[in-house]
Amino acid sequence: MDFWEQIEKLQKKPAKVKEKILAVSVFIIMAAIVAIWIQSVKNSFAETANSAADPLKTMWSAAKDGFANTYEQIQKIDL
């Protein structure tokens, strides 16, 4: 059957049937999107855990770099 014939056939169905088809379609698409999102978040957390095993060390390094950059900016100010 042709795509347009399927669309016409669906248009002729009662409203309740069309609502059920819509609900099932939305649920399937939503489940697929959520599954893809969970997989990408899972991979992101795995990469982060492998690259930064010690969160305190990472935080200290970021704070130290921030203070160093701020100090450099203050040094550049001409008064």
N, C-alpha and C. Protein backbone atom coordinates (compact mmCIF):
# COMPACT_ATOMS: atom_id res chain seq x y z
N MET A 1 0.81 -1.19 0.00
CA MET A 1 0.00 0.00 0.00
C MET A 1 0.86 1.26 0.00
N ASP A 2 0.37 2.24 -0.60
CA ASP A 2 1.01 3.53 -0.72
C ASP A 2 0.87 4.32 0.59
N PHE A 3 1.81 5.18 0.87
CA PHE A 3 1.80 5.99 2.09
C PHE A 3 0.52 6.83 2.19
N TRP A 4 0.14 7.45 1.09
CA TRP A 4 -1.04 8.33 1.11
C TRP A 4 -2.33 7.54 1.33
N GLU A 5 -2.35 6.30 0.83
CA GLU A 5 -3.51 5.44 1.07
C GLU A 5 -3.64 5.11 2.56
N GLN A 6 -2.50 4.89 3.19
CA GLN A 6 -2.50 4.62 4.64
C GLN A 6 -3.01 5.84 5.42
N ILE A 7 -2.59 7.02 4.99
CA ILE A 7 -3.04 8.25 5.64
C ILE A 7 -4.55 8.42 5.48
N GLU A 8 -5.06 8.20 4.29
CA GLU A 8 -6.50 8.31 4.04
C GLU A 8 -7.28 7.29 4.87
N LYS A 9 -6.73 6.07 4.97
CA LYS A 9 -7.37 5.02 5.75
C LYS A 9 -7.43 5.44 7.24
N LEU A 10 -6.34 6.03 7.72
CA LEU A 10 -6.29 6.49 9.11
C LEU A 10 -7.27 7.64 9.34
N GLN A 11 -7.41 8.52 8.38
CA GLN A 11 -8.33 9.65 8.51
C GLN A 11 -9.78 9.20 8.61
N LYS A 12 -10.08 8.07 8.04
CA LYS A 12 -11.46 7.58 8.05
C LYS A 12 -11.83 6.84 9.34
N LYS A 13 -10.86 6.55 10.16
CA LYS A 13 -11.13 5.82 11.40
C LYS A 13 -11.82 6.74 12.41
N PRO A 14 -12.52 6.15 13.40
CA PRO A 14 -13.17 6.96 14.43
C PRO A 14 -12.15 7.71 15.29
N ALA A 15 -12.61 8.77 15.93
CA ALA A 15 -11.73 9.63 16.73
C ALA A 15 -11.04 8.85 17.85
N LYS A 16 -11.74 7.94 18.51
CA LYS A 16 -11.14 7.16 19.61
C LYS A 16 -9.96 6.33 19.13
N VAL A 17 -10.08 5.74 17.96
CA VAL A 17 -9.00 4.93 17.41
C VAL A 17 -7.80 5.82 17.08
N LYS A 18 -8.07 6.98 16.50
CA LYS A 18 -6.98 7.91 16.17
C LYS A 18 -6.28 8.40 17.43
N GLU A 19 -7.05 8.64 18.50
CA GLU A 19 -6.45 9.07 19.77
C GLU A 19 -5.56 7.99 20.35
N LYS A 20 -5.99 6.73 20.27
CA LYS A 20 -5.17 5.62 20.77
C LYS A 20 -3.88 5.50 19.97
N ILE A 21 -3.99 5.61 18.66
CA ILE A 21 -2.80 5.54 17.79
C ILE A 21 -1.85 6.68 18.13
N LEU A 22 -2.39 7.87 18.33
CA LEU A 22 -1.56 9.02 18.69
C LEU A 22 -0.86 8.80 20.03
N ALA A 23 -1.61 8.32 21.03
CA ALA A 23 -1.04 8.10 22.36
C ALA A 23 0.09 7.07 22.31
N VAL A 24 -0.13 5.98 21.60
CA VAL A 24 0.90 4.95 21.49
C VAL A 24 2.12 5.49 20.75
N SER A 25 1.90 6.24 19.69
CA SER A 25 3.01 6.82 18.92
C SER A 25 3.83 7.77 19.78
N VAL A 26 3.15 8.63 20.52
CA VAL A 26 3.85 9.59 21.38
C VAL A 26 4.64 8.84 22.45
N PHE A 27 4.04 7.82 23.04
CA PHE A 27 4.73 7.05 24.08
C PHE A 27 5.99 6.38 23.53
N ILE A 28 5.90 5.78 22.36
CA ILE A 28 7.05 5.09 21.76
C ILE A 28 8.16 6.09 21.44
N ILE A 29 7.82 7.21 20.86
CA ILE A 29 8.83 8.23 20.52
C ILE A 29 9.45 8.79 21.79
N MET A 30 8.63 9.07 22.81
CA MET A 30 9.14 9.59 24.08
C MET A 30 10.08 8.59 24.73
N ALA A 31 9.71 7.31 24.73
CA ALA A 31 10.57 6.29 25.32
C ALA A 31 11.91 6.21 24.60
N ALA A 32 11.89 6.32 23.28
CA ALA A 32 13.13 6.28 22.51
C ALA A 32 14.02 7.47 22.86
N ILE A 33 13.42 8.65 22.95
CA ILE A 33 14.20 9.85 23.27
C ILE A 33 14.79 9.75 24.67
N VAL A 34 13.99 9.29 25.63
CA VAL A 34 14.48 9.15 27.01
C VAL A 34 15.59 8.11 27.07
N ALA A 35 15.46 7.02 26.34
CA ALA A 35 16.51 5.99 26.33
C ALA A 35 17.81 6.54 25.76
N ILE A 36 17.72 7.30 24.69
CA ILE A 36 18.92 7.90 24.10
C ILE A 36 19.54 8.90 25.07
N TRP A 37 18.69 9.70 25.73
CA TRP A 37 19.19 10.69 26.68
C TRP A 37 19.88 10.01 27.85
N ILE A 38 19.28 8.96 28.40
CA ILE A 38 19.89 8.25 29.53
C ILE A 38 21.23 7.65 29.12
N GLN A 39 21.30 7.09 27.93
CA GLN A 39 22.55 6.50 27.46
C GLN A 39 23.64 7.57 27.33
N SER A 40 23.28 8.75 26.81
CA SER A 40 24.29 9.80 26.65
C SER A 40 24.73 10.35 28.00
N VAL A 41 23.81 10.48 28.95
CA VAL A 41 24.17 10.95 30.28
C VAL A 41 25.06 9.92 30.97
N LYS A 42 24.72 8.66 30.82
CA LYS A 42 25.52 7.58 31.41
C LYS A 42 26.95 7.63 30.87
N ASN A 43 27.09 7.78 29.55
CA ASN A 43 28.42 7.86 28.94
C ASN A 43 29.17 9.10 29.41
N SER A 44 28.45 10.20 29.56
CA SER A 44 29.08 11.45 30.01
C SER A 44 29.62 11.30 31.43
N PHE A 45 28.83 10.68 32.31
CA PHE A 45 29.28 10.47 33.69
C PHE A 45 30.46 9.51 33.74
N ALA A 46 30.46 8.50 32.88
CA ALA A 46 31.57 7.55 32.86
C ALA A 46 32.86 8.24 32.43
N GLU A 47 32.79 9.12 31.41
CA GLU A 47 33.96 9.85 30.96
C GLU A 47 34.46 10.80 32.05
N THR A 48 33.53 11.47 32.74
CA THR A 48 33.91 12.39 33.80
C THR A 48 34.56 11.65 34.94
N ALA A 49 34.02 10.50 35.30
CA ALA A 49 34.58 9.71 36.40
C ALA A 49 35.98 9.24 36.06
N ASN A 50 36.21 8.88 34.81
CA ASN A 50 37.54 8.42 34.41
C ASN A 50 38.55 9.56 34.36
N SER A 51 38.12 10.75 33.96
CA SER A 51 39.06 11.85 33.80
C SER A 51 39.31 12.60 35.10
N ALA A 52 38.36 12.62 35.99
CA ALA A 52 38.51 13.37 37.25
C ALA A 52 38.13 12.46 38.41
N ALA A 53 39.07 11.65 38.85
CA ALA A 53 38.78 10.68 39.89
C ALA A 53 38.64 11.34 41.25
N ASP A 54 39.32 12.46 41.49
CA ASP A 54 39.29 13.13 42.78
C ASP A 54 38.60 14.49 42.65
N PRO A 55 37.34 14.60 43.07
CA PRO A 55 36.62 15.86 42.89
C PRO A 55 37.23 17.02 43.68
N LEU A 56 37.77 16.75 44.87
CA LEU A 56 38.38 17.83 45.65
C LEU A 56 39.63 18.38 44.96
N LYS A 57 40.39 17.49 44.38
CA LYS A 57 41.59 17.91 43.65
C LYS A 57 41.20 18.78 42.45
N THR A 58 40.16 18.37 41.75
CA THR A 58 39.69 19.13 40.59
C THR A 58 39.18 20.50 41.02
N MET A 59 38.40 20.53 42.12
CA MET A 59 37.87 21.80 42.61
C MET A 59 39.00 22.72 43.07
N TRP A 60 39.98 22.18 43.76
CA TRP A 60 41.11 22.99 44.22
C TRP A 60 41.89 23.56 43.03
N SER A 61 42.09 22.75 42.02
CA SER A 61 42.81 23.20 40.83
C SER A 61 42.04 24.32 40.13
N ALA A 62 40.73 24.19 40.02
CA ALA A 62 39.92 25.23 39.38
C ALA A 62 39.94 26.52 40.19
N ALA A 63 39.86 26.41 41.51
CA ALA A 63 39.90 27.60 42.36
C ALA A 63 41.26 28.28 42.26
N LYS A 64 42.32 27.51 42.28
CA LYS A 64 43.68 28.06 42.18
C LYS A 64 43.87 28.80 40.85
N ASP A 65 43.40 28.19 39.76
CA ASP A 65 43.50 28.83 38.45
C ASP A 65 42.67 30.12 38.40
N GLY A 66 41.49 30.08 39.02
CA GLY A 66 40.63 31.27 39.05
C GLY A 66 41.28 32.42 39.79
N PHE A 67 41.87 32.12 40.95
CA PHE A 67 42.55 33.17 41.72
C PHE A 67 43.77 33.70 40.97
N ALA A 68 44.50 32.81 40.31
CA ALA A 68 45.68 33.24 39.56
C ALA A 68 45.27 34.17 38.41
N ASN A 69 44.19 33.83 37.71
CA ASN A 69 43.72 34.67 36.62
C ASN A 69 43.23 36.02 37.13
N THR A 70 42.54 36.01 38.27
CA THR A 70 42.07 37.27 38.87
C THR A 70 43.26 38.14 39.26
N TYR A 71 44.28 37.56 39.86
CA TYR A 71 45.47 38.30 40.27
C TYR A 71 46.16 38.91 39.05
N GLU A 72 46.24 38.14 37.95
CA GLU A 72 46.85 38.67 36.73
C GLU A 72 46.05 39.85 36.18
N GLN A 73 44.75 39.78 36.22
CA GLN A 73 43.90 40.87 35.74
C GLN A 73 44.08 42.12 36.60
N ILE A 74 44.20 41.92 37.90
CA ILE A 74 44.41 43.08 38.80
C ILE A 74 45.77 43.72 38.52
N GLN A 75 46.78 42.91 38.24
CA GLN A 75 48.11 43.43 37.93
C GLN A 75 48.10 44.28 36.67
N LYS A 76 47.22 43.98 35.72
CA LYS A 76 47.16 44.71 34.47
C LYS A 76 46.44 46.06 34.58
N ILE A 77 45.73 46.29 35.66
CA ILE A 77 45.00 47.54 35.83
C ILE A 77 45.99 48.66 36.14
N ASP A 78 45.93 49.73 35.38
CA ASP A 78 46.76 50.91 35.61
C ASP A 78 45.98 51.92 36.44
N LEU A 79 46.50 52.28 37.56
CA LEU A 79 45.83 53.28 38.40
C LEU A 79 46.55 54.59 38.34
